[in-house]
PDB file of N, CA and C in Angstrom:
ATOM      1  N   MET A   1       0.844  -1.181   0.000  1.00  0.00           N
ATOM      2  CA  MET A   1       0.000   0.000   0.000  1.00  0.00           C
ATOM      3  C   MET A   1       0.888   1.243   0.000  1.00  0.00           C
ATOM      4  N   PRO A   2       0.563   2.243  -0.838  1.00  0.00           N
ATOM      5  CA  PRO A   2       1.424   3.422  -0.911  1.00  0.00           C
ATOM      6  C   PRO A   2       1.391   4.237   0.381  1.00  0.00           C
ATOM      7  N   ASN A   3       2.486   4.899   0.634  1.00  0.00           N
ATOM      8  CA  ASN A   3       2.607   5.792   1.774  1.00  0.00           C
ATOM      9  C   ASN A   3       1.715   7.007   1.530  1.00  0.00           C
ATOM     10  N   ASN A   4       0.933   7.416   2.531  1.00  0.00           N
ATOM     11  CA  ASN A   4       0.022   8.555   2.377  1.00  0.00           C
ATOM     12  C   ASN A   4       0.748   9.874   2.185  1.00  0.00           C
ATOM     13  N   ASN A   5       2.037   9.926   2.501  1.00  0.00           N
ATOM     14  CA  ASN A   5       2.795  11.165   2.357  1.00  0.00           C
ATOM     15  C   ASN A   5       3.353  11.357   0.949  1.00  0.00           C
ATOM     16  N   THR A   6       3.253  10.350   0.109  1.00  0.00           N
ATOM     17  CA  THR A   6       3.782  10.481  -1.245  1.00  0.00           C
ATOM     18  C   THR A   6       2.762  11.175  -2.137  1.00  0.00           C
ATOM     19  N   GLN A   7       3.260  11.909  -3.120  1.00  0.00           N
ATOM     20  CA  GLN A   7       2.380  12.612  -4.046  1.00  0.00           C
ATOM     21  C   GLN A   7       1.959  11.691  -5.175  1.00  0.00           C
ATOM     22  N   LEU A   8       0.773  11.933  -5.685  1.00  0.00           N
ATOM     23  CA  LEU A   8       0.300  11.181  -6.840  1.00  0.00           C
ATOM     24  C   LEU A   8       1.068  11.621  -8.077  1.00  0.00           C
ATOM     25  N   HIS A   9       1.328  10.685  -8.935  1.00  0.00           N
ATOM     26  CA  HIS A   9       2.012  10.988 -10.191  1.00  0.00           C
ATOM     27  C   HIS A   9       1.082  10.707 -11.366  1.00  0.00           C
ATOM     28  N   ILE A  10      -0.201  10.895 -11.093  1.00  0.00           N
ATOM     29  CA  ILE A  10      -1.231  10.761 -12.122  1.00  0.00           C
ATOM     30  C   ILE A  10      -2.208  11.926 -11.968  1.00  0.00           C
ATOM     31  N   LYS A  11      -2.922  12.210 -13.038  1.00  0.00           N
ATOM     32  CA  LYS A  11      -3.965  13.235 -12.983  1.00  0.00           C
ATOM     33  C   LYS A  11      -5.030  12.895 -14.014  1.00  0.00           C
ATOM     34  N   LEU A  12      -6.169  13.534 -13.883  1.00  0.00           N
ATOM     35  CA  LEU A  12      -7.220  13.367 -14.869  1.00  0.00           C
ATOM     36  C   LEU A  12      -7.017  14.374 -15.988  1.00  0.00           C
ATOM     37  N   ASP A  13      -7.127  13.894 -17.203  1.00  0.00           N
ATOM     38  CA  ASP A  13      -7.013  14.734 -18.392  1.00  0.00           C
ATOM     39  C   ASP A  13      -8.411  14.839 -19.008  1.00  0.00           C
ATOM     40  N   PHE A  14      -8.877  16.049 -19.244  1.00  0.00           N
ATOM     41  CA  PHE A  14     -10.232  16.274 -19.738  1.00  0.00           C
ATOM     42  C   PHE A  14     -10.285  16.622 -21.226  1.00  0.00           C
ATOM     43  N   THR A  15      -9.241  16.295 -21.970  1.00  0.00           N
ATOM     44  CA  THR A  15      -9.224  16.557 -23.413  1.00  0.00           C
ATOM     45  C   THR A  15     -10.436  15.933 -24.098  1.00  0.00           C
ATOM     46  N   ASN A  16     -10.808  14.730 -23.669  1.00  0.00           N
ATOM     47  CA  ASN A  16     -11.957  14.058 -24.288  1.00  0.00           C
ATOM     48  C   ASN A  16     -13.259  14.823 -24.076  1.00  0.00           C
ATOM     49  N   LEU A  17     -13.373  15.527 -22.960  1.00  0.00           N
ATOM     50  CA  LEU A  17     -14.565  16.345 -22.714  1.00  0.00           C
ATOM     51  C   LEU A  17     -14.688  17.424 -23.773  1.00  0.00           C
ATOM     52  N   TRP A  18     -13.591  18.122 -24.044  1.00  0.00           N
ATOM     53  CA  TRP A  18     -13.637  19.216 -25.019  1.00  0.00           C
ATOM     54  C   TRP A  18     -13.919  18.685 -26.421  1.00  0.00           C
ATOM     55  N   LYS A  19     -13.359  17.516 -26.748  1.00  0.00           N
ATOM     56  CA  LYS A  19     -13.635  16.900 -28.052  1.00  0.00           C
ATOM     57  C   LYS A  19     -15.106  16.501 -28.165  1.00  0.00           C
ATOM     58  N   LEU A  20     -15.648  15.952 -27.075  1.00  0.00           N
ATOM     59  CA  LEU A  20     -17.046  15.534 -27.080  1.00  0.00           C
ATOM     60  C   LEU A  20     -17.978  16.736 -27.226  1.00  0.00           C
ATOM     61  N   LEU A  21     -17.646  17.830 -26.577  1.00  0.00           N
ATOM     62  CA  LEU A  21     -18.448  19.051 -26.740  1.00  0.00           C
ATOM     63  C   LEU A  21     -18.465  19.493 -28.200  1.00  0.00           C
ATOM     64  N   ILE A  22     -17.307  19.457 -28.841  1.00  0.00           N
ATOM     65  CA  ILE A  22     -17.220  19.832 -30.259  1.00  0.00           C
ATOM     66  C   ILE A  22     -18.056  18.882 -31.109  1.00  0.00           C
ATOM     67  N   ASP A  23     -17.916  17.572 -30.855  1.00  0.00           N
ATOM     68  CA  ASP A  23     -18.677  16.574 -31.616  1.00  0.00           C
ATOM     69  C   ASP A  23     -20.183  16.788 -31.488  1.00  0.00           C
ATOM     70  N   LYS A  24     -20.609  17.220 -30.315  1.00  0.00           N
ATOM     71  CA  LYS A  24     -22.040  17.440 -30.067  1.00  0.00           C
ATOM     72  C   LYS A  24     -22.462  18.881 -30.372  1.00  0.00           C
ATOM     73  N   GLN A  25     -21.531  19.637 -30.961  1.00  0.00           N
ATOM     74  CA  GLN A  25     -21.772  21.033 -31.339  1.00  0.00           C
ATOM     75  C   GLN A  25     -22.252  21.870 -30.149  1.00  0.00           C
ATOM     76  N   LYS A  26     -21.560  21.672 -29.033  1.00  0.00           N
ATOM     77  CA  LYS A  26     -21.845  22.418 -27.807  1.00  0.00           C
ATOM     78  C   LYS A  26     -20.635  23.273 -27.466  1.00  0.00           C
ATOM     79  N   LYS A  27     -20.879  24.319 -26.711  1.00  0.00           N
ATOM     80  CA  LYS A  27     -19.810  25.205 -26.252  1.00  0.00           C
ATOM     81  C   LYS A  27     -19.711  25.124 -24.737  1.00  0.00           C
ATOM     82  N   LYS A  28     -18.622  25.651 -24.203  1.00  0.00           N
ATOM     83  CA  LYS A  28     -18.450  25.672 -22.750  1.00  0.00           C
ATOM     84  C   LYS A  28     -19.581  26.457 -22.094  1.00  0.00           C
ATOM     85  N   GLU A  29     -20.049  27.497 -22.755  1.00  0.00           N
ATOM     86  CA  GLU A  29     -21.176  28.276 -22.223  1.00  0.00           C
ATOM     87  C   GLU A  29     -22.427  27.412 -22.098  1.00  0.00           C
ATOM     88  N   ASP A  30     -22.655  26.538 -23.097  1.00  0.00           N
ATOM     89  CA  ASP A  30     -23.793  25.614 -23.041  1.00  0.00           C
ATOM     90  C   ASP A  30     -23.649  24.679 -21.846  1.00  0.00           C
ATOM     91  N   LEU A  31     -22.442  24.189 -21.649  1.00  0.00           N
ATOM     92  CA  LEU A  31     -22.166  23.276 -20.539  1.00  0.00           C
ATOM     93  C   LEU A  31     -22.479  23.951 -19.207  1.00  0.00           C
ATOM     94  N   LYS A  32     -22.005  25.172 -19.046  1.00  0.00           N
ATOM     95  CA  LYS A  32     -22.259  25.905 -17.798  1.00  0.00           C
ATOM     96  C   LYS A  32     -23.760  26.111 -17.583  1.00  0.00           C
ATOM     97  N   ARG A  33     -24.415  26.614 -18.597  1.00  0.00           N
ATOM     98  CA  ARG A  33     -25.833  26.967 -18.472  1.00  0.00           C
ATOM     99  C   ARG A  33     -26.720  25.726 -18.332  1.00  0.00           C
ATOM    100  N   ASP A  34     -26.564  24.780 -19.247  1.00  0.00           N
ATOM    101  CA  ASP A  34     -27.504  23.662 -19.331  1.00  0.00           C
ATOM    102  C   ASP A  34     -27.229  22.549 -18.327  1.00  0.00           C
ATOM    103  N   ALA A  35     -25.985  22.393 -17.919  1.00  0.00           N
ATOM    104  CA  ALA A  35     -25.650  21.343 -16.951  1.00  0.00           C
ATOM    105  C   ALA A  35     -25.532  21.893 -15.535  1.00  0.00           C
ATOM    106  N   GLY A  36     -25.635  23.219 -15.405  1.00  0.00           N
ATOM    107  CA  GLY A  36     -25.543  23.813 -14.078  1.00  0.00           C
ATOM    108  C   GLY A  36     -24.147  23.760 -13.494  1.00  0.00           C
ATOM    109  N   ILE A  37     -23.144  23.935 -14.354  1.00  0.00           N
ATOM    110  CA  ILE A  37     -21.739  23.901 -13.932  1.00  0.00           C
ATOM    111  C   ILE A  37     -21.255  25.340 -13.770  1.00  0.00           C
ATOM    112  N   SER A  38     -20.570  25.622 -12.687  1.00  0.00           N
ATOM    113  CA  SER A  38     -20.083  26.989 -12.453  1.00  0.00           C
ATOM    114  C   SER A  38     -18.922  27.320 -13.388  1.00  0.00           C
ATOM    115  N   ALA A  39     -18.720  28.603 -13.597  1.00  0.00           N
ATOM    116  CA  ALA A  39     -17.588  29.065 -14.403  1.00  0.00           C
ATOM    117  C   ALA A  39     -16.274  28.621 -13.772  1.00  0.00           C
ATOM    118  N   ALA A  40     -16.219  28.626 -12.446  1.00  0.00           N
ATOM    119  CA  ALA A  40     -15.000  28.200 -11.747  1.00  0.00           C
ATOM    120  C   ALA A  40     -14.706  26.723 -12.004  1.00  0.00           C
ATOM    121  N   SER A  41     -15.740  25.894 -12.029  1.00  0.00           N
ATOM    122  CA  SER A  41     -15.538  24.463 -12.302  1.00  0.00           C
ATOM    123  C   SER A  41     -15.055  24.237 -13.727  1.00  0.00           C
ATOM    124  N   VAL A  42     -15.634  24.977 -14.669  1.00  0.00           N
ATOM    125  CA  VAL A  42     -15.189  24.853 -16.063  1.00  0.00           C
ATOM    126  C   VAL A  42     -13.734  25.293 -16.184  1.00  0.00           C
ATOM    127  N   ALA A  43     -13.364  26.343 -15.480  1.00  0.00           N
ATOM    128  CA  ALA A  43     -11.968  26.803 -15.500  1.00  0.00           C
ATOM    129  C   ALA A  43     -11.044  25.736 -14.920  1.00  0.00           C
ATOM    130  N   ARG A  44     -11.465  25.085 -13.830  1.00  0.00           N
ATOM    131  CA  ARG A  44     -10.639  24.016 -13.241  1.00  0.00           C
ATOM    132  C   ARG A  44     -10.506  22.844 -14.206  1.00  0.00           C
ATOM    133  N   LEU A  45     -11.590  22.483 -14.861  1.00  0.00           N
ATOM    134  CA  LEU A  45     -11.536  21.409 -15.858  1.00  0.00           C
ATOM    135  C   LEU A  45     -10.572  21.779 -16.980  1.00  0.00           C
ATOM    136  N   ASN A  46     -10.644  23.011 -17.422  1.00  0.00           N
ATOM    137  CA  ASN A  46      -9.791  23.488 -18.507  1.00  0.00           C
ATOM    138  C   ASN A  46      -8.313  23.418 -18.136  1.00  0.00           C
ATOM    139  N   LYS A  47      -8.010  23.631 -16.856  1.00  0.00           N
ATOM    140  CA  LYS A  47      -6.623  23.578 -16.373  1.00  0.00           C
ATOM    141  C   LYS A  47      -6.218  22.182 -15.915  1.00  0.00           C
ATOM    142  N   GLY A  48      -7.156  21.220 -15.973  1.00  0.00           N
ATOM    143  CA  GLY A  48      -6.853  19.868 -15.523  1.00  0.00           C
ATOM    144  C   GLY A  48      -6.759  19.761 -14.010  1.00  0.00           C
ATOM    145  N   GLU A  49      -7.422  20.662 -13.317  1.00  0.00           N
ATOM    146  CA  GLU A  49      -7.410  20.649 -11.854  1.00  0.00           C
ATOM    147  C   GLU A  49      -8.571  19.806 -11.323  1.00  0.00           C
ATOM    148  N   ASN A  50      -8.568  19.582 -10.018  1.00  0.00           N
ATOM    149  CA  ASN A  50      -9.604  18.773  -9.383  1.00  0.00           C
ATOM    150  C   ASN A  50     -10.964  19.457  -9.420  1.00  0.00           C
ATOM    151  N   VAL A  51     -11.981  18.657  -9.690  1.00  0.00           N
ATOM    152  CA  VAL A  51     -13.373  19.088  -9.570  1.00  0.00           C
ATOM    153  C   VAL A  51     -14.102  18.009  -8.781  1.00  0.00           C
ATOM    154  N   ASN A  52     -15.238  18.354  -8.214  1.00  0.00           N
ATOM    155  CA  ASN A  52     -15.908  17.339  -7.408  1.00  0.00           C
ATOM    156  C   ASN A  52     -16.673  16.351  -8.278  1.00  0.00           C
ATOM    157  N   THR A  53     -16.993  15.229  -7.681  1.00  0.00           N
ATOM    158  CA  THR A  53     -17.644  14.139  -8.399  1.00  0.00           C
ATOM    159  C   THR A  53     -19.003  14.565  -8.942  1.00  0.00           C
ATOM    160  N   GLU A  54     -19.736  15.353  -8.183  1.00  0.00           N
ATOM    161  CA  GLU A  54     -21.049  15.804  -8.641  1.00  0.00           C
ATOM    162  C   GLU A  54     -20.936  16.583  -9.951  1.00  0.00           C
ATOM    163  N   THR A  55     -19.903  17.382 -10.084  1.00  0.00           N
ATOM    164  CA  THR A  55     -19.685  18.133 -11.322  1.00  0.00           C
ATOM    165  C   THR A  55     -19.494  17.178 -12.495  1.00  0.00           C
ATOM    166  N   LEU A  56     -18.670  16.160 -12.298  1.00  0.00           N
ATOM    167  CA  LEU A  56     -18.437  15.184 -13.370  1.00  0.00           C
ATOM    168  C   LEU A  56     -19.726  14.448 -13.729  1.00  0.00           C
ATOM    169  N   LEU A  57     -20.512  14.097 -12.722  1.00  0.00           N
ATOM    170  CA  LEU A  57     -21.769  13.396 -12.981  1.00  0.00           C
ATOM    171  C   LEU A  57     -22.775  14.285 -13.710  1.00  0.00           C
ATOM    172  N   ARG A  58     -22.814  15.569 -13.377  1.00  0.00           N
ATOM    173  CA  ARG A  58     -23.694  16.501 -14.090  1.00  0.00           C
ATOM    174  C   ARG A  58     -23.304  16.587 -15.566  1.00  0.00           C
ATOM    175  N   ILE A  59     -22.000  16.624 -15.815  1.00  0.00           N
ATOM    176  CA  ILE A  59     -21.506  16.682 -17.195  1.00  0.00           C
ATOM    177  C   ILE A  59     -21.908  15.422 -17.947  1.00  0.00           C
ATOM    178  N   CYS A  60     -21.711  14.276 -17.310  1.00  0.00           N
ATOM    179  CA  CYS A  60     -22.072  13.006 -17.955  1.00  0.00           C
ATOM    180  C   CYS A  60     -23.566  12.937 -18.249  1.00  0.00           C
ATOM    181  N   GLN A  61     -24.372  13.388 -17.317  1.00  0.00           N
ATOM    182  CA  GLN A  61     -25.817  13.385 -17.531  1.00  0.00           C
ATOM    183  C   GLN A  61     -26.179  14.310 -18.692  1.00  0.00           C
ATOM    184  N   TYR A  62     -25.586  15.485 -18.722  1.00  0.00           N
ATOM    185  CA  TYR A  62     -25.863  16.462 -19.778  1.00  0.00           C
ATOM    186  C   TYR A  62     -25.451  15.933 -21.154  1.00  0.00           C
ATOM    187  N   LEU A  63     -24.281  15.310 -21.220  1.00  0.00           N
ATOM    188  CA  LEU A  63     -23.766  14.826 -22.506  1.00  0.00           C
ATOM    189  C   LEU A  63     -24.206  13.395 -22.822  1.00  0.00           C
ATOM    190  N   GLU A  64     -24.937  12.777 -21.884  1.00  0.00           N
ATOM    191  CA  GLU A  64     -25.408  11.400 -22.049  1.00  0.00           C
ATOM    192  C   GLU A  64     -24.245  10.466 -22.346  1.00  0.00           C
ATOM    193  N   CYS A  65     -23.281  10.480 -21.423  1.00  0.00           N
ATOM    194  CA  CYS A  65     -22.079   9.669 -21.606  1.00  0.00           C
ATOM    195  C   CYS A  65     -21.592   9.165 -20.250  1.00  0.00           C
ATOM    196  N   GLY A  66     -20.529   8.395 -20.263  1.00  0.00           N
ATOM    197  CA  GLY A  66     -19.913   7.905 -19.038  1.00  0.00           C
ATOM    198  C   GLY A  66     -18.664   8.704 -18.693  1.00  0.00           C
ATOM    199  N   ILE A  67     -18.173   8.493 -17.483  1.00  0.00           N
ATOM    200  CA  ILE A  67     -16.968   9.192 -17.014  1.00  0.00           C
ATOM    201  C   ILE A  67     -15.797   8.968 -17.972  1.00  0.00           C
ATOM    202  N   ALA A  68     -15.624   7.745 -18.433  1.00  0.00           N
ATOM    203  CA  ALA A  68     -14.493   7.429 -19.314  1.00  0.00           C
ATOM    204  C   ALA A  68     -14.582   8.160 -20.648  1.00  0.00           C
ATOM    205  N   ASP A  69     -15.766   8.654 -20.995  1.00  0.00           N
ATOM    206  CA  ASP A  69     -15.930   9.404 -22.241  1.00  0.00           C
ATOM    207  C   ASP A  69     -15.449  10.847 -22.126  1.00  0.00           C
ATOM    208  N   ILE A  70     -15.304  11.349 -20.891  1.00  0.00           N
ATOM    209  CA  ILE A  70     -14.919  12.752 -20.719  1.00  0.00           C
ATOM    210  C   ILE A  70     -13.536  12.948 -20.117  1.00  0.00           C
ATOM    211  N   CYS A  71     -12.960  11.899 -19.561  1.00  0.00           N
ATOM    212  CA  CYS A  71     -11.634  12.061 -18.960  1.00  0.00           C
ATOM    213  C   CYS A  71     -10.868  10.748 -18.987  1.00  0.00           C
ATOM    214  N   GLU A  72      -9.565  10.873 -18.807  1.00  0.00           N
ATOM    215  CA  GLU A  72      -8.728   9.689 -18.677  1.00  0.00           C
ATOM    216  C   GLU A  72      -7.584   9.994 -17.725  1.00  0.00           C
ATOM    217  N   VAL A  73      -7.076   8.939 -17.118  1.00  0.00           N
ATOM    218  CA  VAL A  73      -5.964   9.072 -16.180  1.00  0.00           C
ATOM    219  C   VAL A  73      -4.668   9.141 -16.972  1.00  0.00           C
ATOM    220  N   LYS A  74      -3.853  10.141 -16.668  1.00  0.00           N
ATOM    221  CA  LYS A  74      -2.562  10.329 -17.341  1.00  0.00           C
ATOM    222  C   LYS A  74      -1.445  10.331 -16.310  1.00  0.00           C
ATOM    223  N   GLN A  75      -0.320   9.752 -16.686  1.00  0.00           N
ATOM    224  CA  GLN A  75       0.887   9.841 -15.867  1.00  0.00           C
ATOM    225  C   GLN A  75       1.454  11.242 -16.022  1.00  0.00           C
ATOM    226  N   ILE A  76       1.990  11.780 -14.949  1.00  0.00           N
ATOM    227  CA  ILE A  76       2.676  13.065 -15.044  1.00  0.00           C
ATOM    228  C   ILE A  76       4.124  12.874 -14.639  1.00  0.00           C
ATOM    229  N   ASN A  77       4.990  13.665 -15.236  1.00  0.00           N
ATOM    230  CA  ASN A  77       6.405  13.522 -14.904  1.00  0.00           C
ATOM    231  C   ASN A  77       6.725  14.307 -13.642  1.00  0.00           C
ATOM    232  N   ASN A  78       7.882  14.087 -13.089  1.00  0.00           N
ATOM    233  CA  ASN A  78       8.274  14.710 -11.822  1.00  0.00           C
ATOM    234  C   ASN A  78       8.285  16.230 -11.887  1.00  0.00           C
ATOM    235  N   ASN A  79       8.530  16.819 -13.051  1.00  0.00           N
ATOM    236  CA  ASN A  79       8.550  18.277 -13.187  1.00  0.00           C
ATOM    237  C   ASN A  79       7.166  18.889 -13.013  1.00  0.00           C
ATOM    238  N   GLU A  80       6.106  18.095 -13.277  1.00  0.00           N
ATOM    239  CA  GLU A  80       4.742  18.597 -13.176  1.00  0.00           C
ATOM    240  C   GLU A  80       4.152  18.419 -11.786  1.00  0.00           C
ATOM    241  N   VAL A  81       4.767  17.606 -10.944  1.00  0.00           N
ATOM    242  CA  VAL A  81       4.242  17.336  -9.605  1.00  0.00           C
ATOM    243  C   VAL A  81       4.401  18.575  -8.756  1.00  0.00           C
ATOM    244  N   LYS A  82       3.299  18.999  -8.108  1.00  0.00           N
ATOM    245  CA  LYS A  82       3.327  20.211  -7.275  1.00  0.00           C
ATOM    246  C   LYS A  82       3.664  19.868  -5.846  1.00  0.00           C
TER     247      LYS A  82
END
């Protein structure tokens, strides 16, 4: 079991979310308005930062997709670890 003091070397990448929005001819503004997502949450998604699970579920419900359709786990190198 990993030590709780070690940093994660993985992150969620939301590139697939932006591609899916394009495929469905939706904009980030549509996502905010129609899915009830705050501008701050969209900004965090855009930067690949943490968002809460409810936000991800709202997006999936709005786009009629699963979590794996909007994000994927990516390895990050040591230079990117904060």
